[in-house]
Structure formats: C-alpha cells, structure tokens
Protein backbone atom coordinates (compact mmCIF):
# COMPACT_ATOMS: atom_id res chain seq x y z
CA UNK A 1 -52.19 147.44 92.25
CA UNK A 2 -48.44 146.41 92.36
CA UNK A 3 -47.08 144.14 95.11
CA UNK A 4 -45.35 147.18 96.58
CA UNK A 5 -48.81 149.30 97.03
CA UNK A 6 -50.70 146.15 98.26
CA UNK A 7 -47.87 145.72 101.02
CA UNK A 8 -48.05 149.29 101.87
CA UNK A 9 -52.16 149.01 102.11
CA UNK A 10 -51.70 146.00 104.14
CA UNK A 11 -49.31 147.78 106.25
CA UNK A 12 -51.79 150.87 106.34
CA UNK A 13 -54.74 149.06 107.68
CA UNK A 14 -53.14 146.69 109.69
CA UNK A 15 -51.78 149.38 111.73
CA UNK A 16 -55.19 151.33 111.64
CA UNK A 17 -56.94 148.14 113.28
CA UNK A 18 -54.09 147.64 115.59
CA UNK A 19 -54.14 151.08 116.94
CA UNK A 20 -58.00 151.27 117.02
CA UNK A 21 -58.14 148.09 119.48
CA UNK A 22 -55.46 149.93 121.40
CA UNK A 23 -57.03 153.24 121.81
CA UNK A 24 -60.60 151.44 122.79
CA UNK A 25 -58.90 149.09 125.40
CA UNK A 26 -56.70 151.87 126.76
CA UNK A 27 -60.03 154.12 127.30
CA UNK A 28 -61.80 151.37 129.14
CA UNK A 29 -59.06 150.25 131.07
CA UNK A 30 -57.11 153.23 132.15
CA UNK A 31 -59.03 156.45 130.84
CA UNK A 32 -62.26 155.95 132.27
CA UNK A 33 -61.30 154.37 135.41
CA UNK A 34 -59.44 157.54 136.28
CA UNK A 35 -62.02 159.68 135.10
CA UNK A 36 -59.23 161.44 132.41
CA UNK A 37 -59.54 163.37 129.42
CA UNK A 38 -57.22 162.07 126.51
CA UNK A 39 -55.83 164.66 124.07
CA UNK A 40 -57.65 165.18 120.65
CA UNK A 41 -61.45 164.44 119.57
CA UNK A 42 -61.19 161.44 121.90
CA UNK A 43 -61.15 163.74 124.98
CA UNK A 44 -63.57 166.24 123.91
CA UNK A 45 -65.98 163.11 123.06
CA UNK A 46 -65.48 162.22 126.89
CA UNK A 47 -66.29 165.44 128.10
CA UNK A 48 -69.32 165.85 125.95
CA UNK A 49 -70.33 162.39 127.42
CA UNK A 50 -69.90 163.32 130.82
CA UNK A 51 -71.79 166.81 130.42
CA UNK A 52 -74.80 164.73 129.07
CA UNK A 53 -74.81 162.42 132.06
CA UNK A 54 -73.97 165.05 134.55
CA UNK A 55 -76.50 167.87 133.39
CA UNK A 56 -79.27 166.11 131.41
CA UNK A 57 -79.04 162.39 132.79
CA UNK A 58 -78.77 161.12 128.99
CA UNK A 59 -76.13 158.48 128.15
CA UNK A 60 -74.90 159.40 124.41
CA UNK A 61 -72.92 156.41 122.92
CA UNK A 62 -69.43 157.28 122.39
CA UNK A 63 -69.49 156.54 118.50
CA UNK A 64 -72.44 159.14 117.75
CA UNK A 65 -70.30 161.58 119.44
CA UNK A 66 -66.99 160.62 117.96
CA UNK A 67 -68.17 160.51 114.45
CA UNK A 68 -70.16 163.65 114.45
CA UNK A 69 -66.95 165.71 115.65
CA UNK A 70 -65.00 163.95 113.17
CA UNK A 71 -67.06 165.09 110.04
CA UNK A 72 -65.28 168.18 109.20
CA UNK A 73 -61.68 166.80 110.06
CA UNK A 74 -62.47 164.20 107.69
CA UNK A 75 -63.47 166.58 105.10
CA UNK A 76 -60.19 168.38 105.52
CA UNK A 77 -58.06 165.19 105.14
CA UNK A 78 -59.90 164.38 102.02
CA UNK A 79 -59.08 167.79 100.42
CA UNK A 80 -55.79 168.17 101.49
CA UNK A 81 -54.04 165.11 102.51
CA UNK A 82 -55.48 162.40 100.42
CA UNK A 83 -58.11 159.67 100.09
CA UNK A 84 -55.99 156.77 101.09
CA UNK A 85 -54.87 158.36 104.16
CA UNK A 86 -58.38 159.72 105.17
CA UNK A 87 -60.25 156.08 104.47
CA UNK A 88 -57.95 154.37 106.85
CA UNK A 89 -57.95 156.79 109.29
CA UNK A 90 -61.69 156.78 109.12
CA UNK A 91 -61.21 153.03 109.77
CA UNK A 92 -59.45 153.88 112.98
CA UNK A 93 -62.05 156.64 113.90
CA UNK A 94 -65.07 154.20 113.41
CA UNK A 95 -63.69 151.02 114.91
CA UNK A 96 -62.29 152.43 117.82
CA UNK A 97 -65.40 154.13 118.57
CA UNK A 98 -67.75 150.85 118.24
CA UNK A 99 -65.29 149.05 120.50
CA UNK A 100 -65.45 151.75 123.10
CA UNK A 101 -68.73 151.17 123.31
CA UNK A 102 -69.02 147.49 123.36
CA UNK A 103 -65.84 146.58 125.10
CA UNK A 104 -66.66 146.09 128.77
CA UNK A 105 -65.05 148.27 131.38
CA UNK A 106 -62.05 146.36 132.78
CA UNK A 107 -59.96 148.78 135.43
CA UNK A 108 -56.44 147.35 136.15
CA UNK A 109 -55.91 149.99 138.93
CA UNK A 110 -57.42 153.26 140.35
CA UNK A 111 -54.33 154.77 141.13
CA UNK A 112 -54.82 158.00 139.35
CA UNK A 113 -50.94 158.66 138.79
CA UNK A 114 -50.22 155.15 137.25
CA UNK A 115 -53.27 155.38 135.15
CA UNK A 116 -51.91 159.02 133.80
CA UNK A 117 -48.60 157.88 133.10
CA UNK A 118 -49.13 154.23 131.69
CA UNK A 119 -52.34 155.28 129.86
CA UNK A 120 -50.63 158.09 128.47
CA UNK A 121 -47.59 155.80 127.29
CA UNK A 122 -50.48 153.32 125.84
CA UNK A 123 -52.13 156.14 123.92
CA UNK A 124 -49.07 157.42 122.72
CA UNK A 125 -48.03 154.17 121.22
CA UNK A 126 -51.17 153.96 119.50
CA UNK A 127 -51.03 157.35 117.87
CA UNK A 128 -47.49 156.46 116.69
CA UNK A 129 -48.55 153.22 115.50
CA UNK A 130 -51.02 155.27 113.12
CA UNK A 131 -48.46 157.69 112.20
CA UNK A 132 -45.83 154.56 111.35
CA UNK A 133 -48.63 153.05 109.07
CA UNK A 134 -49.55 156.31 107.25
CA UNK A 135 -52.71 156.74 108.73
CA UNK A 136 -54.22 158.70 112.07
CA UNK A 137 -56.56 158.67 114.73
CA UNK A 138 -58.72 161.56 113.00
CA UNK A 139 -59.67 164.73 114.78
CA UNK A 140 -56.75 167.05 115.68
CA UNK A 141 -54.09 164.68 113.94
CA UNK A 142 -55.52 165.72 110.40
CA UNK A 143 -54.64 169.10 111.27
CA UNK A 144 -51.41 168.05 112.87
CA UNK A 145 -50.16 166.02 110.26
CA UNK A 146 -51.20 168.68 107.28
CA UNK A 147 -49.02 171.14 108.87
CA UNK A 148 -46.39 168.90 109.54
CA UNK A 149 -46.25 167.70 106.01
CA UNK A 150 -46.73 170.87 104.65
CA UNK A 151 -44.27 173.06 106.48
CA UNK A 152 -42.26 170.49 107.98
CA UNK A 153 -42.53 171.47 111.47
CA UNK A 154 -43.19 169.46 114.67
CA UNK A 155 -46.26 170.60 116.01
CA UNK A 156 -47.12 168.18 118.61
CA UNK A 157 -46.40 170.28 121.78
CA UNK A 158 -48.89 172.74 119.93
CA UNK A 159 -51.46 170.34 120.02
CA UNK A 160 -50.58 169.80 123.58
CA UNK A 161 -51.54 173.58 124.36
CA UNK A 162 -54.61 173.31 122.27
CA UNK A 163 -55.62 170.36 124.66
CA UNK A 164 -55.28 172.52 127.65
CA UNK A 165 -58.47 174.01 126.57
CA UNK A 166 -60.41 170.91 126.85
CA UNK A 167 -58.81 170.50 130.05
CA UNK A 168 -59.82 173.87 131.63
CA UNK A 169 -63.61 173.00 130.88
CA UNK A 170 -63.21 169.49 132.26
CA UNK A 171 -61.61 171.20 135.53
CA UNK A 172 -64.44 173.88 135.87
CA UNK A 173 -67.27 171.09 135.11
CA UNK A 174 -65.91 168.07 137.01
CA UNK A 175 -63.08 168.91 139.19
CA UNK A 176 -59.53 170.37 138.92
CA UNK A 177 -57.70 167.10 140.41
CA UNK A 178 -58.58 165.02 136.78
CA UNK A 179 -57.83 167.64 134.58
CA UNK A 180 -54.13 168.00 136.21
CA UNK A 181 -53.82 164.32 136.00
CA UNK A 182 -54.93 164.61 132.23
CA UNK A 183 -52.13 166.91 131.69
CA UNK A 184 -49.87 164.16 132.82
CA UNK A 185 -51.43 161.75 130.63
CA UNK A 186 -51.34 163.99 127.74
CA UNK A 187 -47.73 165.05 128.18
CA UNK A 188 -46.72 161.57 128.41
CA UNK A 189 -48.37 160.55 125.25
CA UNK A 190 -46.83 163.29 122.99
CA UNK A 191 -43.35 162.66 124.26
CA UNK A 192 -43.63 159.03 123.41
CA UNK A 193 -45.03 160.17 119.90
CA UNK A 194 -41.94 162.27 119.64
CA UNK A 195 -39.65 159.53 120.65
CA UNK A 196 -41.04 156.86 118.33
CA UNK A 197 -42.44 159.08 115.11
CA UNK A 198 -38.98 160.26 113.46
CA UNK A 199 -40.54 161.01 110.10
CA UNK A 200 -40.45 165.12 110.82
CA UNK A 201 -37.18 164.92 111.93
CA UNK A 202 -34.85 166.22 109.07
CA UNK A 203 -31.19 165.17 108.17
CA UNK A 204 -29.09 166.44 105.44
CA UNK A 205 -27.14 163.99 102.82
CA UNK A 206 -24.01 165.00 101.33
CA UNK A 207 -23.38 162.02 98.72
CA UNK A 208 -20.13 162.07 97.10
CA UNK A 209 -20.45 159.40 93.90
CA UNK A 210 -19.28 158.75 90.60
CA UNK A 211 -23.14 157.50 90.01
CA UNK A 212 -25.11 160.59 90.52
CA UNK A 213 -28.04 159.89 88.12
CA UNK A 214 -28.68 156.33 89.76
CA UNK A 215 -28.46 157.59 93.52
CA UNK A 216 -30.68 160.73 92.61
CA UNK A 217 -33.17 158.22 91.20
CA UNK A 218 -33.35 156.11 94.32
CA UNK A 219 -33.47 159.34 96.44
CA UNK A 220 -36.51 160.45 94.01
CA UNK A 221 -38.62 157.31 94.12
CA UNK A 222 -37.96 156.86 97.89
CA UNK A 223 -38.48 159.76 99.55
CA UNK A 224 -40.60 161.95 96.68
CA UNK A 225 -37.93 164.58 97.20
CA UNK A 226 -35.39 166.30 94.91
CA UNK A 227 -31.64 167.00 95.19
CA UNK A 228 -28.69 169.38 94.15
CA UNK A 229 -25.75 168.11 91.91
CA UNK A 230 -22.47 169.57 91.96
CA UNK A 231 -19.89 168.60 89.81
CA UNK A 232 -16.40 168.04 91.43
CA UNK A 233 -12.93 166.63 91.36
CA UNK A 234 -11.26 164.42 93.98
CA UNK A 235 -8.34 166.23 95.57
CA UNK A 236 -6.42 162.85 96.01
CA UNK A 237 -7.23 160.91 93.28
CA UNK A 238 -7.71 163.71 90.67
CA UNK A 239 -10.96 161.82 89.32
CA UNK A 240 -14.03 163.43 88.49
CA UNK A 241 -16.99 162.98 90.87
CA UNK A 242 -20.18 164.15 91.92
CA UNK A 243 -21.84 165.55 95.34
CA UNK A 244 -25.61 165.26 95.67
CA UNK A 245 -27.28 167.26 98.21
CA UNK A 246 -30.62 166.50 99.72
CA UNK A 247 -32.91 167.11 102.81
CA UNK A 248 -34.76 163.93 103.74
CA UNK A 249 -36.65 162.52 107.17
CA UNK A 250 -34.52 160.51 109.58
CA UNK A 251 -35.96 157.10 109.06
CA UNK A 252 -35.64 157.81 104.82
CA UNK A 253 -31.95 158.60 105.57
CA UNK A 254 -31.13 155.06 107.19
CA UNK A 255 -32.42 153.56 104.31
CA UNK A 256 -30.96 155.67 101.66
CA UNK A 257 -27.62 155.05 102.89
CA UNK A 258 -27.87 151.16 102.48
CA UNK A 259 -29.43 152.06 99.06
CA UNK A 260 -26.54 154.57 97.86
CA UNK A 261 -23.93 151.76 99.16
CA UNK A 262 -25.83 148.93 96.88
CA UNK A 263 -25.55 151.21 93.80
CA UNK A 264 -22.19 152.70 94.50
CA UNK A 265 -19.99 150.72 97.05
CA UNK A 266 -17.21 153.31 96.86
CA UNK A 267 -19.77 156.48 97.64
CA UNK A 268 -19.11 158.41 100.67
CA UNK A 269 -21.86 159.66 102.55
CA UNK A 270 -22.05 162.57 105.49
CA UNK A 271 -25.29 162.91 107.36
CA UNK A 272 -26.06 165.96 109.15
CA UNK A 273 -29.09 166.59 111.56
CA UNK A 274 -31.06 169.49 110.19
CA UNK A 275 -32.98 171.61 112.68
CA UNK A 276 -34.82 174.06 110.13
CA UNK A 277 -35.04 174.25 106.61
CA UNK A 278 -37.11 177.28 104.63
CA UNK A 279 -37.95 176.29 101.04
CA UNK A 280 -40.25 174.08 99.28
CA UNK A 281 -39.23 170.74 100.81
CA UNK A 282 -42.74 169.06 100.90
CA UNK A 283 -44.09 167.41 97.48
CA UNK A 284 -47.38 166.10 97.83
CA UNK A 285 -47.74 162.12 97.24
CA UNK A 286 -50.82 160.07 96.82
CA UNK A 287 -51.80 159.38 100.02
C-alpha cells in the first residue's frame, strides 16, 4: 500500500471511529433524554427497543438489533459500493452500537425542543464526518450513497421522507409529541449534511490551456472523471490553444483549479454551477 492509499485509509477509519463515538454520545445525551427517533436504522433500532420494552417487558441490547438490521444493507454495500467502504462502515455500525450500550446516560437538558435542534445538529455532524472520510453509518446511508454515486442525485430529502414511516409508527405507539419533535431532529440533521457535504454538488469546468494532456491527466487521476478537448485559437494572440470541458464535484473543483495553475500558470479557468446532468457521469472506483 503506497503512502497516498495509507493516508486515505487512516483518514477513513479516523473519521469512522470519531463519528461512531459522536453517534453513541448523542444517543445517550440527547436522543434518549428527549425520547426521539433519529433517522435511518438508528431510529428504527430505538423504535424496536421501545416496542420490546413496552409490550413485552424485555430489554434487548441496542447492538443486537442494530447489527441484525444492517445485515442486508452491508450485503448491498459489498456488492454495489465496495469492500473498503463497507468495511469502514461496519466499523461505525459495530463501534457506535457497542458504545451506545456501555456509555452511561448523561442527559444535558430535558427541553425537548432544544434536544431536537442540537441533537439534530450533532447527528448531522456525525453523518457528514462519515461522508467526508468516505464511509457511512450504515443502514439507509448505503442506499443513499449508492444512488447518489450512480445517478448523481442528492437524495437526502427523500431519505427524510422514508424516515417519516418510522415516525408514524412511533407516533401511534408512543405518542405524537415525540414523533413530531423527531421530525425537527431529522430535518436539522439533513440540512447539516447538505451544508457540510458538497461531494454531490456539481461544477462544470471550462479550462483553456496550452497543456491539455497534462491537465486532463490530473483531472482523470484526481476525480476519476473524463473530459472533452476542443482545439481552438486565441482570438487576440492567434495562438493555438485547447479547451477542456469536464464536470466534477464542488470540492474537487477547488483542488483542480490549484493543480491546473501549477501545470499551466497561463491557463484560464471558468467554473459554472451545474444543477443537472444526463449521461455517464459516474465511474466506479475501488472503495
């Protein structure tokens, strides 16, 4: 494993471990204190725990339920996303589950509105940390990331809609006040993810350069996306030049501009926000 891959894996697992701790602490300090149901399989796990405790008088460990629920999503991750990505996600799932069971409850406040807002902020931070490290918290994240990578669509608001099903069940069984506050929690979390994680926001690059081959090589290696090259002539100087056209993510665009300037200090770069693309944008990499 070369140094670049080693650094990437260290970052991946560092983010995974840190996010797992945040997930667990958030559940034990905010979520349980407010009786809320976070999005995804974490919320479903808490709902199932509540059902067993209320109707059967049995306390089932969080770890047992969460691991059982994630069997199918993990299989989807292995088949469609990649072994490295799935392995680090399993680290988040396992560590956060165990910590949730062993960390003692330490409620900071019992004001449900404050819990909904600040708990959602912290949850969104943990999810974003996973995505930044190229991992996930498992469950619905596998599905969301798969479709985002495959189709280039930001579907976090759709995930929020799916979570509404969990809240309806929770409202019927345990009271609508907690379910409605959970909507605030989930909405806040989703907005934090959309704000912090820019990977699926697209930018179109128009690069005028005299070194098209070197610039394209940088685009290909850094983003795993291709480009189209147009041959042209500078209207003022009359010199032959090239125009490279490519669509990349927002975070990749910022890095690429610096790299292009290093390769060709005289290059001219125009960046345009892109709302929609139709075509083969995605190219599978080794996750």
